[in-house]
Amino acid sequence: MTTETHSGNGAPYGYTAEKDAYLKRLRRIEGQVRGIARMVEEDKYCIDILTQVAAVNKALHAVSMGLLEEHISHCVVGAAQEAQASGDDSAVEEKVREATAAIGRLLR
């Protein structure tokens, strides 16, 4: 995993403007996961635990979809604009491949 804060061209990533909101959502999800662990430790009813697991999955899905939308609207569109100016489509193809691979991982 990379720790870069900017896209390859030096511009901020698409999600940068919403970074605080993403971090807030991820901290909330982290708390939900700790709550699930506590439920297991306390031998809570399995269906109640599964309900909480489903809620965490849904919340992670929402974060994933938001990041994917940001990638397409910022990174892919930015690469397309650069390609239009330079005539080199390779950056667009790479960004689309990245998005396609990410979608594939989300669907597994």
N, C-alpha and C. Protein backbone atom coordinates (compact mmCIF):
# COMPACT_ATOMS: atom_id res chain seq x y z
N MET A 1 0.85 -1.18 0.00
CA MET A 1 0.00 0.00 0.00
C MET A 1 0.89 1.24 0.00
N THR A 2 0.52 2.22 -0.78
CA THR A 2 1.31 3.43 -0.88
C THR A 2 0.83 4.47 0.14
N THR A 3 1.74 5.34 0.52
CA THR A 3 1.37 6.40 1.45
C THR A 3 1.44 7.77 0.78
N GLU A 4 1.46 7.78 -0.55
CA GLU A 4 1.49 9.04 -1.28
C GLU A 4 0.22 9.83 -0.99
N THR A 5 0.34 11.15 -1.11
CA THR A 5 -0.84 12.00 -0.91
C THR A 5 -1.24 12.71 -2.19
N HIS A 6 -0.53 12.40 -3.27
CA HIS A 6 -0.83 13.06 -4.53
C HIS A 6 -0.79 12.04 -5.65
N SER A 7 -1.54 12.35 -6.69
CA SER A 7 -1.51 11.49 -7.87
C SER A 7 -0.16 11.61 -8.54
N GLY A 8 0.09 10.78 -9.51
CA GLY A 8 1.38 10.76 -10.18
C GLY A 8 1.78 12.10 -10.78
N ASN A 9 0.82 12.96 -11.09
CA ASN A 9 1.15 14.25 -11.70
C ASN A 9 1.31 15.37 -10.68
N GLY A 10 1.35 15.05 -9.40
CA GLY A 10 1.56 16.05 -8.36
C GLY A 10 0.28 16.67 -7.83
N ALA A 11 -0.84 16.42 -8.47
CA ALA A 11 -2.12 16.96 -8.01
C ALA A 11 -2.66 16.10 -6.86
N PRO A 12 -3.46 16.68 -5.96
CA PRO A 12 -4.03 15.88 -4.88
C PRO A 12 -4.96 14.80 -5.44
N TYR A 13 -5.11 13.72 -4.68
CA TYR A 13 -6.05 12.67 -5.09
C TYR A 13 -7.46 13.22 -5.06
N GLY A 14 -8.37 12.55 -5.77
CA GLY A 14 -9.74 13.00 -5.86
C GLY A 14 -10.46 13.07 -4.53
N TYR A 15 -10.12 12.17 -3.61
CA TYR A 15 -10.81 12.14 -2.32
C TYR A 15 -10.28 13.15 -1.32
N THR A 16 -9.20 13.86 -1.65
CA THR A 16 -8.53 14.74 -0.70
C THR A 16 -9.49 15.76 -0.09
N ALA A 17 -10.38 16.31 -0.89
CA ALA A 17 -11.32 17.31 -0.39
C ALA A 17 -12.27 16.72 0.65
N GLU A 18 -12.54 15.42 0.55
CA GLU A 18 -13.46 14.74 1.47
C GLU A 18 -12.73 13.86 2.48
N LYS A 19 -11.43 14.05 2.61
CA LYS A 19 -10.61 13.18 3.46
C LYS A 19 -11.14 13.11 4.89
N ASP A 20 -11.47 14.25 5.48
CA ASP A 20 -11.97 14.25 6.87
C ASP A 20 -13.26 13.46 7.00
N ALA A 21 -14.14 13.57 6.01
CA ALA A 21 -15.40 12.83 6.06
C ALA A 21 -15.14 11.33 5.94
N TYR A 22 -14.20 10.94 5.06
CA TYR A 22 -13.85 9.52 4.93
C TYR A 22 -13.26 9.00 6.23
N LEU A 23 -12.36 9.78 6.83
CA LEU A 23 -11.75 9.34 8.09
C LEU A 23 -12.80 9.20 9.20
N LYS A 24 -13.75 10.11 9.24
CA LYS A 24 -14.82 10.03 10.23
C LYS A 24 -15.64 8.76 10.04
N ARG A 25 -15.97 8.47 8.79
CA ARG A 25 -16.75 7.25 8.50
C ARG A 25 -15.96 6.00 8.86
N LEU A 26 -14.67 6.00 8.53
CA LEU A 26 -13.84 4.84 8.83
C LEU A 26 -13.67 4.64 10.34
N ARG A 27 -13.57 5.72 11.07
CA ARG A 27 -13.49 5.59 12.55
C ARG A 27 -14.80 5.03 13.12
N ARG A 28 -15.91 5.44 12.54
CA ARG A 28 -17.20 4.92 12.97
C ARG A 28 -17.27 3.41 12.68
N ILE A 29 -16.81 3.02 11.51
CA ILE A 29 -16.78 1.59 11.15
C ILE A 29 -15.87 0.83 12.10
N GLU A 30 -14.72 1.41 12.41
CA GLU A 30 -13.79 0.78 13.34
C GLU A 30 -14.47 0.54 14.69
N GLY A 31 -15.24 1.50 15.14
CA GLY A 31 -15.98 1.34 16.39
C GLY A 31 -17.02 0.24 16.29
N GLN A 32 -17.67 0.15 15.13
CA GLN A 32 -18.66 -0.93 14.93
C GLN A 32 -17.98 -2.29 15.00
N VAL A 33 -16.80 -2.41 14.40
CA VAL A 33 -16.08 -3.69 14.41
C VAL A 33 -15.68 -4.05 15.84
N ARG A 34 -15.22 -3.08 16.60
CA ARG A 34 -14.90 -3.35 18.02
C ARG A 34 -16.15 -3.79 18.77
N GLY A 35 -17.29 -3.20 18.43
CA GLY A 35 -18.54 -3.59 19.05
C GLY A 35 -18.91 -5.02 18.71
N ILE A 36 -18.65 -5.44 17.48
CA ILE A 36 -18.92 -6.82 17.09
C ILE A 36 -18.03 -7.77 17.88
N ALA A 37 -16.77 -7.43 18.02
CA ALA A 37 -15.85 -8.27 18.80
C ALA A 37 -16.34 -8.40 20.25
N ARG A 38 -16.82 -7.31 20.79
CA ARG A 38 -17.36 -7.31 22.15
C ARG A 38 -18.60 -8.21 22.23
N MET A 39 -19.43 -8.16 21.21
CA MET A 39 -20.63 -9.01 21.19
C MET A 39 -20.23 -10.49 21.21
N VAL A 40 -19.21 -10.83 20.43
CA VAL A 40 -18.74 -12.22 20.41
C VAL A 40 -18.19 -12.60 21.78
N GLU A 41 -17.38 -11.72 22.36
CA GLU A 41 -16.82 -11.99 23.69
C GLU A 41 -17.92 -12.21 24.72
N GLU A 42 -19.02 -11.49 24.57
CA GLU A 42 -20.12 -11.55 25.53
C GLU A 42 -21.16 -12.61 25.15
N ASP A 43 -20.85 -13.43 24.14
CA ASP A 43 -21.74 -14.51 23.70
C ASP A 43 -23.14 -14.01 23.34
N LYS A 44 -23.21 -12.94 22.59
CA LYS A 44 -24.50 -12.41 22.14
C LYS A 44 -25.11 -13.33 21.08
N TYR A 45 -26.36 -13.14 20.81
CA TYR A 45 -27.11 -13.96 19.86
C TYR A 45 -26.51 -13.81 18.46
N CYS A 46 -26.30 -14.94 17.79
CA CYS A 46 -25.60 -14.96 16.50
C CYS A 46 -26.27 -14.07 15.45
N ILE A 47 -27.57 -14.03 15.42
CA ILE A 47 -28.27 -13.21 14.43
C ILE A 47 -28.02 -11.74 14.68
N ASP A 48 -27.94 -11.33 15.94
CA ASP A 48 -27.62 -9.93 16.25
C ASP A 48 -26.21 -9.59 15.79
N ILE A 49 -25.28 -10.52 15.94
CA ILE A 49 -23.91 -10.28 15.48
C ILE A 49 -23.89 -10.18 13.96
N LEU A 50 -24.59 -11.09 13.31
CA LEU A 50 -24.64 -11.05 11.84
C LEU A 50 -25.26 -9.76 11.32
N THR A 51 -26.24 -9.26 12.03
CA THR A 51 -26.85 -7.99 11.65
C THR A 51 -25.82 -6.87 11.70
N GLN A 52 -24.99 -6.87 12.73
CA GLN A 52 -23.95 -5.84 12.85
C GLN A 52 -22.86 -6.02 11.79
N VAL A 53 -22.52 -7.26 11.48
CA VAL A 53 -21.55 -7.52 10.41
C VAL A 53 -22.08 -6.98 9.08
N ALA A 54 -23.35 -7.20 8.82
CA ALA A 54 -23.96 -6.70 7.59
C ALA A 54 -23.91 -5.17 7.55
N ALA A 55 -24.13 -4.53 8.68
CA ALA A 55 -24.07 -3.06 8.74
C ALA A 55 -22.67 -2.56 8.44
N VAL A 56 -21.65 -3.25 8.96
CA VAL A 56 -20.26 -2.86 8.69
C VAL A 56 -19.95 -3.06 7.21
N ASN A 57 -20.38 -4.18 6.66
CA ASN A 57 -20.15 -4.43 5.23
C ASN A 57 -20.79 -3.34 4.38
N LYS A 58 -21.99 -2.94 4.73
CA LYS A 58 -22.69 -1.89 3.98
C LYS A 58 -21.94 -0.57 4.09
N ALA A 59 -21.47 -0.26 5.29
CA ALA A 59 -20.73 0.99 5.49
C ALA A 59 -19.41 0.99 4.71
N LEU A 60 -18.70 -0.13 4.72
CA LEU A 60 -17.46 -0.24 3.94
C LEU A 60 -17.75 -0.14 2.45
N HIS A 61 -18.84 -0.73 2.02
CA HIS A 61 -19.24 -0.65 0.62
C HIS A 61 -19.48 0.81 0.22
N ALA A 62 -20.13 1.56 1.09
CA ALA A 62 -20.40 2.97 0.81
C ALA A 62 -19.09 3.76 0.69
N VAL A 63 -18.14 3.48 1.57
CA VAL A 63 -16.84 4.15 1.48
C VAL A 63 -16.16 3.76 0.17
N SER A 64 -16.18 2.49 -0.15
CA SER A 64 -15.55 2.01 -1.39
C SER A 64 -16.16 2.67 -2.62
N MET A 65 -17.46 2.75 -2.65
CA MET A 65 -18.13 3.34 -3.81
C MET A 65 -17.81 4.84 -3.91
N GLY A 66 -17.74 5.51 -2.78
CA GLY A 66 -17.36 6.92 -2.79
C GLY A 66 -15.96 7.12 -3.33
N LEU A 67 -15.02 6.29 -2.87
CA LEU A 67 -13.64 6.39 -3.35
C LEU A 67 -13.55 6.06 -4.84
N LEU A 68 -14.30 5.07 -5.27
CA LEU A 68 -14.31 4.72 -6.69
C LEU A 68 -14.87 5.86 -7.53
N GLU A 69 -15.94 6.46 -7.07
CA GLU A 69 -16.51 7.61 -7.78
C GLU A 69 -15.51 8.75 -7.86
N GLU A 70 -14.81 9.01 -6.74
CA GLU A 70 -13.79 10.06 -6.73
C GLU A 70 -12.67 9.73 -7.72
N HIS A 71 -12.26 8.45 -7.76
CA HIS A 71 -11.20 8.06 -8.68
C HIS A 71 -11.61 8.31 -10.13
N ILE A 72 -12.83 7.92 -10.46
CA ILE A 72 -13.28 8.10 -11.84
C ILE A 72 -13.44 9.57 -12.18
N SER A 73 -14.09 10.33 -11.29
CA SER A 73 -14.37 11.73 -11.61
C SER A 73 -13.13 12.62 -11.53
N HIS A 74 -12.12 12.20 -10.81
CA HIS A 74 -10.93 13.03 -10.67
C HIS A 74 -9.75 12.45 -11.47
N CYS A 75 -9.38 11.24 -11.14
CA CYS A 75 -8.17 10.65 -11.73
C CYS A 75 -8.36 10.26 -13.18
N VAL A 76 -9.46 9.58 -13.48
CA VAL A 76 -9.69 9.15 -14.86
C VAL A 76 -9.98 10.37 -15.74
N VAL A 77 -10.83 11.26 -15.28
CA VAL A 77 -11.13 12.46 -16.06
C VAL A 77 -9.88 13.31 -16.24
N GLY A 78 -9.08 13.45 -15.18
CA GLY A 78 -7.83 14.21 -15.29
C GLY A 78 -6.88 13.61 -16.32
N ALA A 79 -6.78 12.29 -16.31
CA ALA A 79 -5.93 11.61 -17.29
C ALA A 79 -6.46 11.83 -18.70
N ALA A 80 -7.78 11.82 -18.84
CA ALA A 80 -8.38 12.05 -20.16
C ALA A 80 -8.09 13.47 -20.65
N GLN A 81 -8.15 14.42 -19.75
CA GLN A 81 -7.85 15.80 -20.12
C GLN A 81 -6.38 15.95 -20.52
N GLU A 82 -5.50 15.28 -19.77
CA GLU A 82 -4.07 15.31 -20.12
C GLU A 82 -3.84 14.64 -21.46
N ALA A 83 -4.53 13.53 -21.71
CA ALA A 83 -4.37 12.80 -22.96
C ALA A 83 -4.85 13.65 -24.14
N GLN A 84 -5.90 14.39 -23.90
CA GLN A 84 -6.42 15.24 -24.96
C GLN A 84 -5.37 16.30 -25.34
N ALA A 85 -4.69 16.82 -24.34
CA ALA A 85 -3.68 17.84 -24.60
C ALA A 85 -2.41 17.25 -25.21
N SER A 86 -2.03 16.05 -24.76
CA SER A 86 -0.76 15.46 -25.20
C SER A 86 -0.89 14.51 -26.38
N GLY A 87 -2.09 13.95 -26.56
CA GLY A 87 -2.29 12.95 -27.60
C GLY A 87 -1.87 11.56 -27.18
N ASP A 88 -1.47 11.38 -25.93
CA ASP A 88 -1.02 10.08 -25.41
C ASP A 88 -2.12 9.51 -24.51
N ASP A 89 -2.76 8.43 -24.95
CA ASP A 89 -3.87 7.83 -24.22
C ASP A 89 -3.43 6.84 -23.15
N SER A 90 -2.14 6.60 -22.99
CA SER A 90 -1.68 5.54 -22.07
C SER A 90 -2.09 5.81 -20.62
N ALA A 91 -2.08 7.05 -20.19
CA ALA A 91 -2.47 7.37 -18.81
C ALA A 91 -3.95 7.05 -18.58
N VAL A 92 -4.78 7.35 -19.56
CA VAL A 92 -6.21 7.05 -19.45
C VAL A 92 -6.41 5.55 -19.35
N GLU A 93 -5.74 4.82 -20.22
CA GLU A 93 -5.86 3.36 -20.21
C GLU A 93 -5.44 2.79 -18.86
N GLU A 94 -4.38 3.32 -18.29
CA GLU A 94 -3.91 2.86 -16.97
C GLU A 94 -4.93 3.15 -15.88
N LYS A 95 -5.49 4.36 -15.87
CA LYS A 95 -6.49 4.72 -14.85
C LYS A 95 -7.75 3.87 -14.99
N VAL A 96 -8.15 3.59 -16.21
CA VAL A 96 -9.33 2.74 -16.43
C VAL A 96 -9.02 1.32 -15.96
N ARG A 97 -7.81 0.81 -16.24
CA ARG A 97 -7.42 -0.52 -15.76
C ARG A 97 -7.44 -0.56 -14.23
N GLU A 98 -6.94 0.50 -13.59
CA GLU A 98 -6.97 0.56 -12.12
C GLU A 98 -8.40 0.50 -11.61
N ALA A 99 -9.28 1.28 -12.21
CA ALA A 99 -10.68 1.31 -11.78
C ALA A 99 -11.34 -0.05 -12.01
N THR A 100 -11.07 -0.66 -13.15
CA THR A 100 -11.65 -1.96 -13.45
C THR A 100 -11.17 -3.01 -12.45
N ALA A 101 -9.89 -3.00 -12.14
CA ALA A 101 -9.34 -3.95 -11.16
C ALA A 101 -9.96 -3.71 -9.78
N ALA A 102 -10.13 -2.46 -9.41
CA ALA A 102 -10.74 -2.14 -8.11
C ALA A 102 -12.18 -2.63 -8.06
N ILE A 103 -12.92 -2.44 -9.13
CA ILE A 103 -14.30 -2.93 -9.19
C ILE A 103 -14.32 -4.45 -9.06
N GLY A 104 -13.41 -5.10 -9.76
CA GLY A 104 -13.31 -6.56 -9.66
C GLY A 104 -13.05 -7.02 -8.24
N ARG A 105 -12.16 -6.33 -7.53
CA ARG A 105 -11.88 -6.71 -6.13
C ARG A 105 -13.10 -6.48 -5.25
N LEU A 106 -13.84 -5.42 -5.53
CA LEU A 106 -15.05 -5.15 -4.73
C LEU A 106 -16.13 -6.18 -4.96
N LEU A 107 -16.17 -6.75 -6.15
CA LEU A 107 -17.21 -7.72 -6.48
C LEU A 107 -16.90 -9.14 -6.02
N ARG A 108 -15.69 -9.39 -5.59
CA ARG A 108 -15.35 -10.75 -5.12
C ARG A 108 -15.96 -11.04 -3.80
